[in-house]
Protein backbone atom coordinates (compact mmCIF):
# COMPACT_ATOMS: atom_id res chain seq x y z
CA MET A 1 0.00 0.00 0.00
CA LYS A 2 1.33 3.43 -0.89
CA GLN A 3 2.44 5.68 1.92
CA LEU A 4 0.19 8.69 2.24
CA PHE A 5 1.25 12.26 2.81
CA VAL A 6 -0.99 14.01 5.33
CA ARG A 7 0.63 17.18 6.68
CA LYS A 8 -0.57 20.52 8.09
CA LEU A 9 -3.57 20.68 5.76
CA PHE A 10 -6.98 20.43 7.36
CA ARG A 11 -10.55 21.49 6.96
CA PHE A 12 -12.95 22.40 9.74
CA ARG A 13 -16.23 20.87 10.71
CA ARG A 14 -18.62 23.60 11.71
CA THR A 15 -18.20 25.04 15.20
CA SER A 16 -20.35 27.58 16.92
CA ALA A 17 -17.92 30.45 17.55
CA PRO A 18 -14.23 29.76 17.06
CA ALA A 19 -11.96 32.03 19.08
CA VAL A 20 -9.20 34.03 17.41
CA VAL A 21 -5.79 33.17 18.77
CA VAL A 22 -2.21 32.81 17.71
CA VAL A 23 -1.10 29.18 17.64
CA ALA A 24 2.42 28.06 18.39
CA LEU A 25 3.40 25.08 16.31
CA VAL A 26 6.11 22.93 17.85
CA ALA A 27 7.93 20.65 15.44
CA LEU A 28 8.92 17.51 17.29
CA VAL A 29 11.82 16.08 15.34
CA VAL A 30 13.15 12.74 16.57
CA VAL A 31 16.59 11.70 15.37
CA SER A 32 18.45 8.67 16.72
CA LEU A 33 22.11 9.40 16.08
CA ALA A 34 22.88 5.80 16.98
CA ALA A 35 21.15 4.80 13.75
CA PHE A 36 23.79 6.41 11.55
CA ALA A 37 26.14 3.83 10.09
CA ALA A 38 29.56 4.23 8.48
CA TYR A 39 30.42 2.24 5.37
CA SER A 40 33.31 2.23 2.96
CA LEU A 41 32.50 0.47 -0.28
CA ALA A 42 34.30 0.59 -3.60
CA ALA A 43 32.31 1.45 -6.70
CA GLY A 44 31.55 -1.37 -9.10
CA ARG A 45 33.23 -2.04 -12.44
CA PRO A 46 31.82 -3.15 -15.80
CA THR A 47 31.55 -6.88 -16.15
CA PRO A 48 34.87 -8.16 -17.61
CA GLY A 49 34.65 -9.28 -21.20
CA ARG A 50 31.59 -7.20 -22.06
CA SER A 51 32.00 -4.60 -24.74
CA GLN A 52 31.28 -0.94 -24.07
CA ARG A 53 29.23 0.62 -26.83
CA VAL A 54 29.23 4.32 -27.61
CA ALA A 55 26.52 5.98 -25.53
CA SER A 56 25.06 9.44 -25.52
CA HIS A 57 22.99 10.96 -22.78
CA SER A 58 21.18 14.27 -22.82
CA ALA A 59 19.42 15.76 -19.81
CA PHE A 60 17.39 18.94 -19.46
CA ASN A 61 19.29 19.37 -16.27
CA VAL A 62 21.07 16.84 -14.17
CA PHE A 63 19.08 14.74 -11.66
CA HIS A 64 15.77 16.18 -12.85
CA ASN A 65 13.17 13.99 -14.51
CA PRO A 66 11.31 16.26 -16.96
CA THR A 67 9.14 13.46 -18.37
CA GLY A 68 7.13 12.94 -15.20
CA LEU A 69 6.98 10.31 -12.49
CA ILE A 70 9.28 7.29 -12.56
CA GLN A 71 6.88 4.36 -12.78
CA PRO A 72 7.75 1.16 -10.90
CA PRO A 73 7.52 -1.91 -13.14
CA PRO A 74 4.91 -4.62 -12.50
CA ILE A 75 6.22 -7.61 -10.60
CA PRO A 76 6.92 -10.27 -13.27
CA THR A 77 5.54 -13.78 -13.00
CA ASP A 78 8.55 -15.43 -14.63
CA THR A 79 12.24 -15.55 -13.64
CA SER A 80 13.13 -12.14 -15.08
CA LEU A 81 14.11 -8.98 -13.25
CA ALA A 82 11.95 -6.04 -14.32
CA MET A 83 13.38 -2.51 -14.18
CA SER A 84 11.91 0.97 -14.53
CA SER A 85 14.70 1.77 -17.00
CA THR A 86 17.42 -0.18 -18.74
CA GLN A 87 19.84 2.74 -18.94
CA GLY A 88 20.78 5.84 -17.01
CA SER A 89 23.53 7.66 -15.18
CA PRO A 90 25.06 7.76 -11.70
CA GLY A 91 22.59 9.29 -9.26
CA ASP A 92 19.50 8.15 -11.19
CA LYS A 93 16.74 6.40 -9.29
CA ILE A 94 15.80 2.91 -10.49
CA PHE A 95 12.99 0.52 -9.48
CA ILE A 96 13.43 -3.23 -9.79
CA ALA A 97 10.87 -6.03 -9.37
CA ALA A 98 11.04 -9.83 -9.34
CA SER A 99 9.24 -12.91 -8.06
CA GLY A 100 9.90 -16.49 -6.94
CA TYR A 101 11.09 -15.64 -3.42
CA THR A 102 9.94 -17.13 -0.16
CA PRO A 103 7.10 -14.98 1.19
CA GLY A 104 8.38 -12.65 3.90
CA GLU A 105 12.07 -13.12 3.18
CA GLN A 106 14.41 -10.18 2.67
CA VAL A 107 15.40 -9.38 -0.90
CA GLU A 108 18.58 -7.37 -1.46
CA PRO A 109 19.44 -5.44 -4.66
CA ILE A 110 23.04 -5.68 -5.87
CA TRP A 111 24.79 -3.36 -8.33
CA ALA A 112 27.54 -4.65 -10.66
CA TYR A 113 26.86 -8.29 -9.81
CA ASN A 114 29.28 -10.81 -11.36
CA GLY A 115 28.80 -13.92 -9.28
CA PRO A 116 28.43 -14.85 -5.60
CA GLY A 117 30.09 -12.34 -3.27
CA THR A 118 30.59 -9.68 -5.97
CA GLY A 119 29.07 -6.30 -6.63
CA ILE A 120 27.79 -3.57 -4.33
CA ALA A 121 24.94 -4.77 -2.14
CA GLN A 122 22.49 -1.92 -1.51
CA LYS A 123 22.26 -1.73 2.27
CA SER A 124 19.66 0.04 4.38
CA PHE A 125 20.73 3.42 5.69
CA TYR A 126 18.82 5.51 8.21
CA GLU A 127 15.20 5.22 7.10
CA PHE A 128 16.12 4.42 3.48
CA ASN A 129 15.56 0.70 2.98
CA PRO A 130 16.44 -0.79 -0.41
CA ILE A 131 16.37 -4.24 1.21
CA THR A 132 12.71 -5.19 0.95
CA PHE A 133 10.49 -8.08 2.01
CA ALA A 134 8.87 -10.46 -0.45
CA ASN A 135 5.09 -10.27 -0.40
CA SER A 136 2.67 -13.11 0.25
CA THR A 137 3.08 -14.43 -3.30
CA GLY A 138 6.88 -14.17 -3.31
CA GLY A 139 7.06 -10.91 -5.27
CA ALA A 140 9.43 -8.05 -4.40
CA LEU A 141 9.69 -4.41 -5.47
CA THR A 142 12.37 -1.94 -4.38
CA ASN A 143 14.45 1.02 -5.54
CA PHE A 144 17.93 2.48 -5.18
CA TRP A 145 20.27 5.04 -6.71
CA ILE A 146 22.71 4.10 -9.49
CA PRO A 147 26.22 4.36 -7.97
CA GLU A 148 29.19 6.19 -9.44
CA ALA A 149 30.99 4.02 -11.99
CA THR A 150 32.56 4.09 -15.47
CA ALA A 151 30.47 3.86 -18.65
CA GLY A 152 29.50 0.36 -19.67
CA THR A 153 27.09 -2.52 -19.20
CA TYR A 154 26.41 -3.75 -15.67
CA THR A 155 24.38 -6.50 -14.10
CA ILE A 156 21.75 -5.62 -11.51
CA ALA A 157 20.65 -8.47 -9.25
CA ALA A 158 17.94 -9.06 -6.65
CA LEU A 159 18.95 -11.78 -4.17
CA GLY A 160 16.67 -13.57 -1.73
CA LEU A 161 18.68 -13.65 1.48
CA THR A 162 16.98 -16.81 2.76
CA SER A 163 16.11 -18.78 -0.37
CA GLY A 164 19.12 -17.73 -2.44
CA VAL A 165 16.81 -17.02 -5.41
CA LEU A 166 18.61 -14.68 -7.81
CA ARG A 167 17.12 -12.55 -10.53
CA THR A 168 19.30 -10.46 -12.87
CA ALA A 169 19.11 -7.95 -15.72
CA THR A 170 21.59 -5.77 -17.61
CA TYR A 171 21.82 -2.01 -17.33
CA GLN A 172 23.64 0.46 -19.57
CA LEU A 173 25.46 3.17 -17.63
CA LEU A 174 25.58 6.45 -19.55
CA PRO A 175 27.61 9.57 -18.80
CA GLU A 176 26.16 12.65 -17.12
CA LEU A 177 27.30 16.28 -17.31
CA ASP A 178 26.46 18.71 -14.52
CA LEU A 179 26.85 22.42 -15.28
CA GLY A 180 26.68 23.48 -11.63
CA VAL A 181 24.47 26.43 -12.58
CA TYR A 182 21.81 26.55 -15.27
CA GLN A 183 20.70 30.14 -15.67
CA ASN A 184 22.31 33.57 -15.90
CA ALA A 185 25.51 32.92 -13.95
CA PRO A 186 28.93 34.13 -15.09
CA THR A 187 30.76 30.87 -14.33
CA LEU A 188 29.75 27.26 -14.88
CA ARG A 189 31.09 24.54 -12.57
CA LEU A 190 31.56 21.46 -14.76
CA THR A 191 31.38 17.96 -13.31
CA GLY A 192 30.95 14.64 -15.08
CA TRP A 193 30.14 11.04 -14.13
CA GLY A 194 30.01 7.79 -16.05
CA PHE A 195 32.79 8.36 -18.59
CA GLY A 196 35.59 5.93 -19.37
CA ALA A 197 38.30 5.40 -16.78
CA ALA A 198 41.30 7.74 -17.03
CA GLU A 199 40.29 9.17 -20.38
CA THR A 200 40.57 12.68 -21.80
CA ILE A 201 37.25 14.51 -21.94
CA ASN A 202 36.66 17.48 -24.24
CA VAL A 203 33.94 19.95 -23.26
CA TYR A 204 32.26 22.01 -26.00
CA TRP A 205 30.07 25.13 -25.89
CA ASN A 206 27.13 25.44 -28.33
CA TYR A 207 27.38 21.79 -29.36
CA THR A 208 24.96 20.49 -32.00
CA GLY A 209 26.60 17.22 -32.97
CA PRO A 210 29.96 15.58 -33.73
CA GLY A 211 32.52 18.09 -34.94
CA THR A 212 30.57 21.12 -33.75
CA GLY A 213 30.88 23.60 -30.89
CA THR A 214 33.73 25.52 -29.34
CA LEU A 215 36.19 23.60 -27.16
CA ILE A 216 36.11 25.37 -23.76
CA THR A 217 38.05 23.00 -21.49
CA GLN A 218 39.53 19.53 -21.14
CA ALA A 219 39.60 17.11 -18.23
CA ILE A 220 40.88 13.64 -17.42
CA SER A 221 38.50 11.28 -15.65
CA ASP A 222 39.54 9.18 -12.67
CA HIS A 223 39.25 5.40 -12.30
CA GLU A 224 35.46 5.74 -11.81
CA GLY A 225 34.89 7.90 -14.89
CA PHE A 226 34.48 11.06 -12.80
CA PHE A 227 35.88 14.53 -13.36
CA SER A 228 35.40 17.89 -11.64
CA GLY A 229 37.19 21.16 -10.98
CA ARG A 230 36.65 22.59 -14.46
CA THR A 231 34.94 25.95 -14.95
CA TYR A 232 33.85 28.08 -17.89
CA THR A 233 33.07 31.78 -17.80
CA VAL A 234 30.22 32.61 -20.14
CA PRO A 235 31.17 35.66 -22.24
CA SER A 236 29.21 38.77 -21.29
CA SER A 237 28.41 39.25 -24.98
CA THR A 238 26.48 35.97 -25.14
CA LEU A 239 22.99 36.56 -26.53
CA PRO A 240 19.92 35.41 -24.57
CA GLY A 241 18.92 31.87 -25.44
CA TRP A 242 19.50 28.18 -24.80
CA TYR A 243 22.98 26.72 -25.32
CA THR A 244 24.00 23.07 -25.36
CA ILE A 245 27.21 22.07 -23.61
CA ALA A 246 28.69 18.64 -24.33
CA ALA A 247 31.35 16.53 -22.67
CA VAL A 248 32.89 13.97 -25.04
CA GLY A 249 35.06 11.07 -23.93
CA VAL A 250 37.94 10.88 -26.42
CA THR A 251 38.60 7.16 -25.89
CA SER A 252 35.16 5.77 -25.06
CA GLY A 253 33.26 8.01 -27.46
CA THR A 254 30.63 8.64 -24.80
CA VAL A 255 28.80 11.95 -24.99
CA ALA A 256 26.83 13.78 -22.31
CA THR A 257 25.03 17.04 -22.99
CA ASN A 258 23.17 19.58 -20.92
CA THR A 259 21.47 22.90 -21.50
CA TYR A 260 22.31 26.36 -20.17
CA ALA A 261 19.87 29.29 -20.30
CA ALA A 262 21.57 32.61 -20.98
CA LYS A 263 18.75 34.78 -19.73
CA ILE A 264 18.07 36.92 -16.71
CA LEU A 265 16.55 35.18 -13.76
CA VAL A 266 14.28 37.58 -11.90
CA PRO A 267 13.57 36.13 -8.46
CA GLY A 268 11.45 38.08 -6.06
CA ILE A 269 8.23 36.06 -5.75
CA LEU A 270 7.10 37.02 -2.27
CA PRO A 271 5.31 34.61 0.04
CA THR A 272 1.68 35.09 0.88
CA THR A 273 1.27 36.47 4.37
CA GLY A 274 1.30 33.53 6.74
CA ASP A 275 3.15 31.15 4.41
CA TRP A 276 5.41 28.77 6.36
CA THR A 277 8.51 28.82 4.13
CA SER A 278 11.23 27.45 6.42
CA PHE A 279 11.80 25.01 9.26
CA GLY A 280 11.58 27.65 11.99
CA PHE A 281 9.06 29.97 10.25
CA ASN A 282 11.51 32.87 10.53
CA LEU A 283 15.27 33.38 10.76
CA GLN A 284 15.08 33.52 14.57
CA ASN A 285 13.43 30.06 14.63
CA THR A 286 10.56 31.07 16.91
CA ARG A 287 8.44 28.42 15.15
CA VAL A 288 5.27 30.49 15.60
CA ASN A 289 3.02 31.83 12.85
CA PRO A 290 1.57 35.10 14.19
CA TYR A 291 -0.81 35.31 11.21
CA GLU A 292 -2.65 32.12 12.12
CA THR A 293 -5.88 33.32 13.74
CA THR A 294 -8.26 30.46 13.03
CA ILE A 295 -7.13 27.39 14.93
CA SER A 296 -7.85 27.58 18.64
CA ALA A 297 -8.24 25.39 21.69
CA ALA A 298 -11.97 25.54 21.10
CA ASN A 299 -11.89 24.07 17.59
CA VAL A 300 -8.68 22.09 17.33
CA ALA A 301 -10.55 18.84 18.04
CA SER A 302 -12.63 19.39 14.91
CA LEU A 303 -9.65 19.34 12.55
CA ALA A 304 -9.99 16.70 9.85
CA PRO A 305 -7.95 15.83 6.74
CA LYS A 306 -8.66 18.09 3.78
CA TRP A 307 -6.80 15.94 1.25
CA ARG A 308 -4.20 13.22 1.10
CA VAL A 309 -2.01 12.01 -1.74
CA ALA A 310 0.50 9.23 -2.32
CA LEU A 311 4.15 10.20 -2.23
CA PRO A 312 5.99 9.82 -5.58
CA ILE A 313 8.05 6.99 -4.02
CA LEU A 314 7.13 4.89 -1.01
CA GLY A 315 9.34 6.03 1.87
CA ARG A 316 9.78 8.05 5.01
CA VAL A 317 9.42 11.79 5.55
CA ILE A 318 11.72 13.34 8.18
CA GLY A 319 11.54 17.06 7.38
CA SER A 320 8.48 19.29 7.62
CA PRO A 321 6.52 20.42 4.56
CA VAL A 322 6.71 24.12 3.70
CA ILE A 323 4.03 26.38 2.26
CA PHE A 324 4.74 28.99 -0.41
CA ASP A 325 2.60 30.82 -2.97
CA GLY A 326 -0.18 28.23 -3.05
CA GLU A 327 2.18 25.23 -3.04
CA VAL A 328 3.05 22.61 -0.44
CA ILE A 329 6.61 21.39 -0.95
CA GLU A 330 7.77 18.18 0.70
CA ALA A 331 11.10 16.32 0.65
CA THR A 332 11.52 12.62 1.39
CA VAL A 333 14.17 10.12 2.40
CA SER A 334 13.53 8.44 -0.97
CA GLY A 335 15.05 11.51 -2.63
CA THR A 336 11.99 13.21 -4.05
CA VAL A 337 11.16 16.88 -3.64
CA SER A 338 7.62 17.45 -4.80
CA ALA A 339 5.09 20.28 -4.94
CA TYR A 340 1.32 20.01 -4.44
CA ASP A 341 -1.54 22.45 -4.87
CA VAL A 342 -2.33 23.71 -1.38
CA THR A 343 -6.08 23.58 -2.01
CA THR A 344 -6.55 20.33 -3.90
CA GLY A 345 -3.40 18.29 -3.27
CA ALA A 346 -2.81 17.95 -7.01
CA LEU A 347 0.81 17.07 -7.81
CA LEU A 348 2.52 19.99 -9.58
CA TRP A 349 6.09 18.73 -10.10
CA VAL A 350 8.68 16.26 -8.79
CA PHE A 351 12.45 16.58 -8.60
CA TYR A 352 14.45 13.35 -8.18
CA ALA A 353 17.54 14.07 -6.08
CA PRO A 354 20.57 11.72 -6.10
CA GLY A 355 20.28 10.85 -2.40
CA PRO A 356 18.02 11.04 0.66
CA VAL A 357 16.65 14.43 1.71
CA TYR A 358 16.27 14.52 5.50
CA GLY A 359 15.93 18.26 6.09
CA THR A 360 13.11 20.70 5.43
CA PRO A 361 13.50 22.78 2.25
CA THR A 362 13.88 26.54 2.74
CA ILE A 363 12.12 28.86 0.28
CA VAL A 364 13.20 32.43 -0.44
CA ASN A 365 12.21 34.52 -3.47
CA GLY A 366 10.61 31.61 -5.27
CA ILE A 367 13.65 29.33 -4.88
CA ALA A 368 13.65 26.14 -2.79
CA TYR A 369 16.99 25.25 -1.17
CA PHE A 370 17.84 21.82 0.29
CA GLY A 371 20.66 19.30 0.54
CA THR A 372 21.14 15.55 0.18
CA VAL A 373 23.14 12.86 1.97
CA ASN A 374 25.45 10.34 0.36
CA ILE A 375 24.46 6.71 1.01
CA PRO A 376 26.87 3.75 1.17
CA GLY A 377 28.27 2.81 -2.24
CA GLU A 378 27.27 6.03 -4.04
CA SER A 379 30.77 7.59 -3.87
CA ARG A 380 30.57 11.34 -4.66
CA ILE A 381 27.02 11.47 -5.96
CA GLY A 382 25.03 12.08 -2.79
CA ASN A 383 26.36 15.07 -0.81
CA TYR A 384 24.94 18.02 -2.75
CA ALA A 385 23.28 21.38 -2.25
CA PHE A 386 20.38 22.22 -4.57
CA ALA A 387 18.31 25.24 -5.57
CA LEU A 388 15.05 24.72 -7.49
CA LEU A 389 12.54 27.15 -8.94
CA THR A 390 9.31 26.60 -7.04
CA SER A 391 7.26 27.47 -10.13
CA ASN A 392 8.21 24.28 -11.99
CA GLY A 393 10.85 22.36 -10.01
CA GLN A 394 13.57 23.26 -12.51
CA LEU A 395 17.12 23.04 -11.21
CA LEU A 396 18.68 26.48 -10.86
CA TRP A 397 22.03 25.35 -9.42
CA ASP A 398 23.76 22.61 -7.47
CA ASN A 399 27.11 22.31 -5.74
CA TYR A 400 29.09 19.62 -3.96
CA LEU A 401 29.07 19.64 -0.14
CA ALA A 402 32.69 18.84 0.65
CA ASN A 403 32.12 18.70 4.44
CA GLY A 404 29.49 15.95 4.37
CA GLY A 405 25.78 15.50 3.82
CA GLU A 406 23.04 17.98 4.69
CA TRP A 407 20.79 16.47 7.36
CA VAL A 408 18.83 19.61 8.25
CA ALA A 409 17.25 22.70 6.72
CA PRO A 410 19.63 25.32 5.26
CA LEU A 411 19.34 28.96 6.32
CA VAL A 412 18.96 31.64 3.62
CA ALA A 413 19.77 35.30 4.32
CA ASN A 414 22.00 38.12 3.12
CA GLY A 415 21.90 36.73 -0.43
CA ARG A 416 23.56 33.54 0.79
CA VAL A 417 22.61 29.99 1.68
CA TYR A 418 24.22 28.44 4.76
CA PHE A 419 24.57 24.65 4.79
CA SER A 420 25.46 22.64 7.91
CA SER A 421 27.04 19.25 7.17
CA ALA A 422 27.87 16.00 8.91
CA GLY A 423 29.59 12.75 8.04
CA LYS A 424 27.68 9.55 8.59
CA GLU A 425 28.76 9.12 12.21
CA GLY A 426 29.29 12.78 12.84
CA VAL A 427 33.03 12.63 13.45
CA ASN A 428 33.46 15.21 10.75
CA GLY A 429 31.36 17.96 9.26
CA GLY A 430 31.43 21.66 8.60
CA GLU A 431 29.66 24.85 7.62
CA ALA A 432 29.59 26.51 4.21
CA ALA A 433 28.00 29.55 2.59
CA TYR A 434 26.95 29.74 -1.08
CA ASP A 435 25.68 32.55 -3.26
CA ALA A 436 21.90 32.19 -3.29
CA LEU A 437 21.51 32.82 -7.04
CA THR A 438 24.56 31.07 -8.50
CA GLY A 439 25.59 28.47 -5.91
CA ALA A 440 29.18 29.72 -5.93
CA GLN A 441 30.90 28.94 -2.64
CA VAL A 442 31.60 32.04 -0.55
CA TRP A 443 33.32 30.39 2.41
CA SER A 444 33.61 26.98 4.05
CA PHE A 445 35.29 25.35 7.01
CA ALA A 446 35.53 21.78 8.26
CA THR A 447 34.87 20.65 11.84
CA PRO A 448 35.91 17.57 13.85
CA TYR A 449 32.23 16.95 14.62
CA GLY A 450 29.08 16.67 12.60
CA ILE A 451 26.40 19.35 12.56
CA TRP A 452 22.88 18.01 12.94
CA ALA A 453 20.96 21.19 13.83
CA PRO A 454 19.57 24.10 11.78
CA ALA A 455 21.20 27.48 12.32
CA THR A 456 19.60 30.69 13.64
CA LEU A 457 20.29 34.28 12.55
CA SER A 458 20.22 37.36 14.76
CA PRO A 459 17.70 40.08 13.78
CA THR A 460 20.56 42.34 12.63
CA GLY A 461 21.91 39.60 10.35
CA GLY A 462 25.35 39.91 11.93
CA ASP A 463 25.45 36.62 13.87
CA LEU A 464 24.83 33.05 12.74
CA TYR A 465 24.25 30.71 15.69
CA GLN A 466 25.06 27.06 14.96
CA PRO A 467 24.74 24.11 17.37
CA THR A 468 26.95 21.07 16.67
CA GLY A 469 27.36 17.39 17.38
CA ASN A 470 30.04 15.99 19.68
CA PRO A 471 33.62 15.33 18.50
CA CYS A 472 33.85 11.70 19.66
CA PHE A 473 33.51 8.40 17.84
CA SER A 474 33.49 5.54 20.28
CA VAL A 475 31.18 2.89 21.62
CA LEU A 476 32.74 3.42 25.05
CA TYR A 477 31.23 6.80 25.88
CA GLN A 478 31.95 8.01 29.40
CA PRO A 479 30.43 10.99 31.20
CA GLY A 480 32.87 13.87 31.38
CA ASP A 481 35.02 12.81 28.40
CA GLY A 482 34.13 15.98 26.46
CA CYS A 483 31.80 14.19 24.06
CA SER A 484 29.24 16.97 23.92
CA GLY A 485 28.16 19.53 21.38
CA TYR A 486 29.02 23.19 20.93
CA LEU A 487 27.09 26.35 20.20
CA LEU A 488 29.00 28.54 17.72
CA ASP A 489 28.52 32.23 16.98
CA LEU A 490 29.68 32.74 13.40
CA ASP A 491 30.23 35.84 11.32
CA PRO A 492 27.85 35.21 8.37
CA SER A 493 30.07 37.15 5.97
CA THR A 494 33.28 35.19 6.64
CA GLY A 495 32.45 32.11 8.71
CA ALA A 496 34.81 33.31 11.47
CA ILE A 497 33.92 32.04 14.96
CA LYS A 498 33.14 34.93 17.35
CA TRP A 499 32.59 32.73 20.39
CA GLN A 500 31.85 29.10 21.17
CA LEU A 501 30.18 27.39 24.09
CA HIS A 502 31.00 23.76 24.87
CA PHE A 503 28.04 22.20 26.68
CA ILE A 504 28.61 19.96 29.69
CA ASP A 505 28.99 16.26 28.92
CA LEU A 506 26.82 14.10 31.18
CA THR A 507 26.56 10.83 29.20
CA GLY A 508 29.50 10.75 26.80
CA ASP A 509 27.24 11.34 23.80
CA ASP A 510 25.62 14.74 24.25
CA ASP A 511 25.10 16.39 20.87
CA ALA A 512 23.30 19.71 20.44
CA PRO A 513 20.77 18.69 17.76
CA ALA A 514 18.17 21.47 18.12
CA ALA A 515 17.88 24.87 16.45
CA PRO A 516 18.20 27.79 18.87
CA VAL A 517 15.32 30.21 19.35
CA TYR A 518 16.46 33.85 19.34
CA ASP A 519 14.52 36.37 21.41
CA ASN A 520 15.58 39.70 22.90
CA GLY A 521 19.31 38.93 22.93
CA GLN A 522 18.89 35.39 24.26
CA LEU A 523 19.25 31.96 22.67
CA TYR A 524 17.13 29.04 23.87
CA LEU A 525 17.95 25.42 23.03
CA GLY A 526 18.19 21.94 24.47
CA THR A 527 20.85 19.24 24.11
CA LYS A 528 21.07 15.49 24.57
CA ASN A 529 22.40 16.00 28.10
CA GLY A 530 18.79 16.73 29.03
CA ASN A 531 19.23 20.41 29.84
CA PHE A 532 17.39 23.29 28.21
CA TYR A 533 19.52 26.45 28.14
CA ASP A 534 19.19 30.22 28.05
CA VAL A 535 22.42 31.53 26.48
CA ASP A 536 23.42 35.17 26.15
CA ALA A 537 23.62 35.79 22.39
CA THR A 538 26.39 38.38 22.75
CA THR A 539 28.78 36.62 25.12
CA GLY A 540 27.88 32.93 24.92
CA ASN A 541 27.43 32.76 28.69
CA ILE A 542 24.73 30.51 30.13
CA ASN A 543 22.11 32.53 32.00
CA TRP A 544 20.05 29.60 33.28
CA SER A 545 19.22 26.00 32.50
CA TYR A 546 16.26 23.73 33.08
CA ASP A 547 17.04 20.05 33.68
CA THR A 548 14.52 17.54 32.32
CA GLY A 549 16.34 14.72 34.09
CA ALA A 550 16.54 12.69 30.86
CA ARG A 551 19.94 11.94 29.33
CA GLY A 552 21.63 10.85 26.10
CA ASP A 553 19.25 9.19 23.66
CA PHE A 554 16.43 10.26 26.00
CA GLY A 555 17.60 13.87 26.14
CA ILE A 556 16.33 16.83 24.13
CA TYR A 557 16.22 16.54 20.33
CA SER A 558 13.41 18.88 19.35
CA SER A 559 13.70 22.55 18.51
CA ALA A 560 11.58 24.76 20.74
CA ALA A 561 8.77 27.15 19.88
CA LEU A 562 8.41 30.48 21.65
CA PHE A 563 4.96 31.95 22.28
CA ASN A 564 3.55 34.33 24.85
CA GLY A 565 6.55 34.09 27.18
CA ALA A 566 6.76 30.29 27.20
CA LEU A 567 9.15 27.89 25.49
CA TYR A 568 7.67 24.61 24.25
CA PHE A 569 9.89 21.62 23.46
CA GLY A 570 9.85 17.84 23.54
CA GLY A 571 12.36 15.21 24.55
CA GLY A 572 13.27 11.57 24.56
CA ASP A 573 11.53 11.35 27.93
CA HIS A 574 8.16 11.20 26.09
CA LEU A 575 7.21 14.60 27.50
CA VAL A 576 6.38 17.98 26.04
CA HIS A 577 7.62 20.72 28.38
CA ALA A 578 6.46 24.33 28.72
CA VAL A 579 9.06 26.47 30.51
CA GLY A 580 8.67 30.15 31.32
CA GLU A 581 11.09 32.42 29.48
CA THR A 582 11.57 34.71 32.48
CA SER A 583 10.45 32.49 35.36
CA GLN A 584 12.76 29.67 34.26
CA GLN A 585 10.22 27.29 35.77
CA LEU A 586 8.20 24.44 34.36
CA GLN A 587 4.67 25.68 33.66
CA TRP A 588 3.29 22.33 32.58
CA SER A 589 4.16 19.11 30.79
CA PHE A 590 2.26 16.23 29.29
CA THR A 591 3.18 12.69 28.33
CA THR A 592 3.18 11.47 24.74
CA ALA A 593 3.21 7.97 23.34
CA GLU A 594 6.39 8.53 21.34
CA LEU A 595 9.80 10.20 21.53
CA VAL A 596 9.51 13.88 20.65
């Protein structure tokens, strides 16, 4: 059965006289850092002895599927392996289906299979589960991303882990060319996947076929057919229009093309008053919509679903949906970012990203910003920052996240996008700023810890407050060993650290995973050590703290909401707490059935 998307959209049954109030919406985000797994897998190779034919691949823009939804194949009744496509490029999503398995057994997809014990088995990774279970008739359907590899023909397999039943099919890997930016930017950032190993690649501007175009740069691919680090400055005299850029493998003969629009992008679509366009509603992360005057304590019980739709791909949703200009935009762990009509739920567009999207997209001036996370076996495909036009889902720009994947919502301000990154176990990460219109990197720095929390901006725009994970990687955590998170005050223009606060370590695994709330010169946030803090935004000194008594994986994960002098947050203790901003005392709490 398809997973349904039912979020923040309701209709009212009639009530006698609904009161007019402002409602504070608390997002209760539960993340188990213990679920992150570290893998190191080599990319697959073409099956020895198989010839590599000349292949050409053209994309409107990389990772986007302009032809509509990717349709899963029917489960076959014979011994074949059905696929949603027989060819594609690294980062593409593929569905596979087969039958003949023992009902209920696990079925594992394998890339570049060449006999028992070979290939790259597609393992489950934090809410993304390519390993599926056979249904009651022995059929199985799953999906995964095509890993980074050289051009050629590969075998995809689906293996029953109990029965040993194996189904296989061949797949043609084609090259892909990413321009880095697709409209009205002075400099293109050229990256390619799926070419021949260690071959020279010629890149041409205004390509229309063999022997045409202007050679603008050359590159040499690595052992996986990958190249990067090449740029091209579009001449200022270039006339408005669409231009084809091609990357041609000199040895393999493979060709990948993409299209650049030399025209002026005019952002500036403003949100409708009350639109919820970011994780924290505003840059101070108060998580309160002051324009909401309909929902109240008197009528909240009458809320009922207004519409529900199936997600483009069965899978989990970790981030919150956002509302902008009549659209609901949702990202999923299956890698889709999709837009729906806010009134009817009609699907407007889908973007297929090359990896899971865990964070909430952030929308500014009609552009949706988000990041992806690399999964085991993908190599360099997954960790990317993206900017899409909300009007049609078209890719405006993308750029590689060198410090790790993006697990949370980016912050957009000052004409820049700030991405917080983390490695799979959080022992490394970093912060980076990109130009909001072109994706060009402005500054970046690496950290010895992952960053799992959204950032907060001061009202003046002069301070970026960033919580972090802890710098330790050990199964032998001990209280007091310094394995706790930090709160950083960064200069948004340079990334320089103004001050940093290292929270007390009470369990040996005390990350700071929640976004701070900024109010009147104070920062409010909780950490996994179970304490909720009031921190002076100017000095980084702790003014007061409230101890929930819960620790570690039962500490505080959720970002707070601030309304009417109270701070509302949840924790791993199955409680929602309301603490007075000035009284520093618990006003009330209630028990929930789940971690919050």
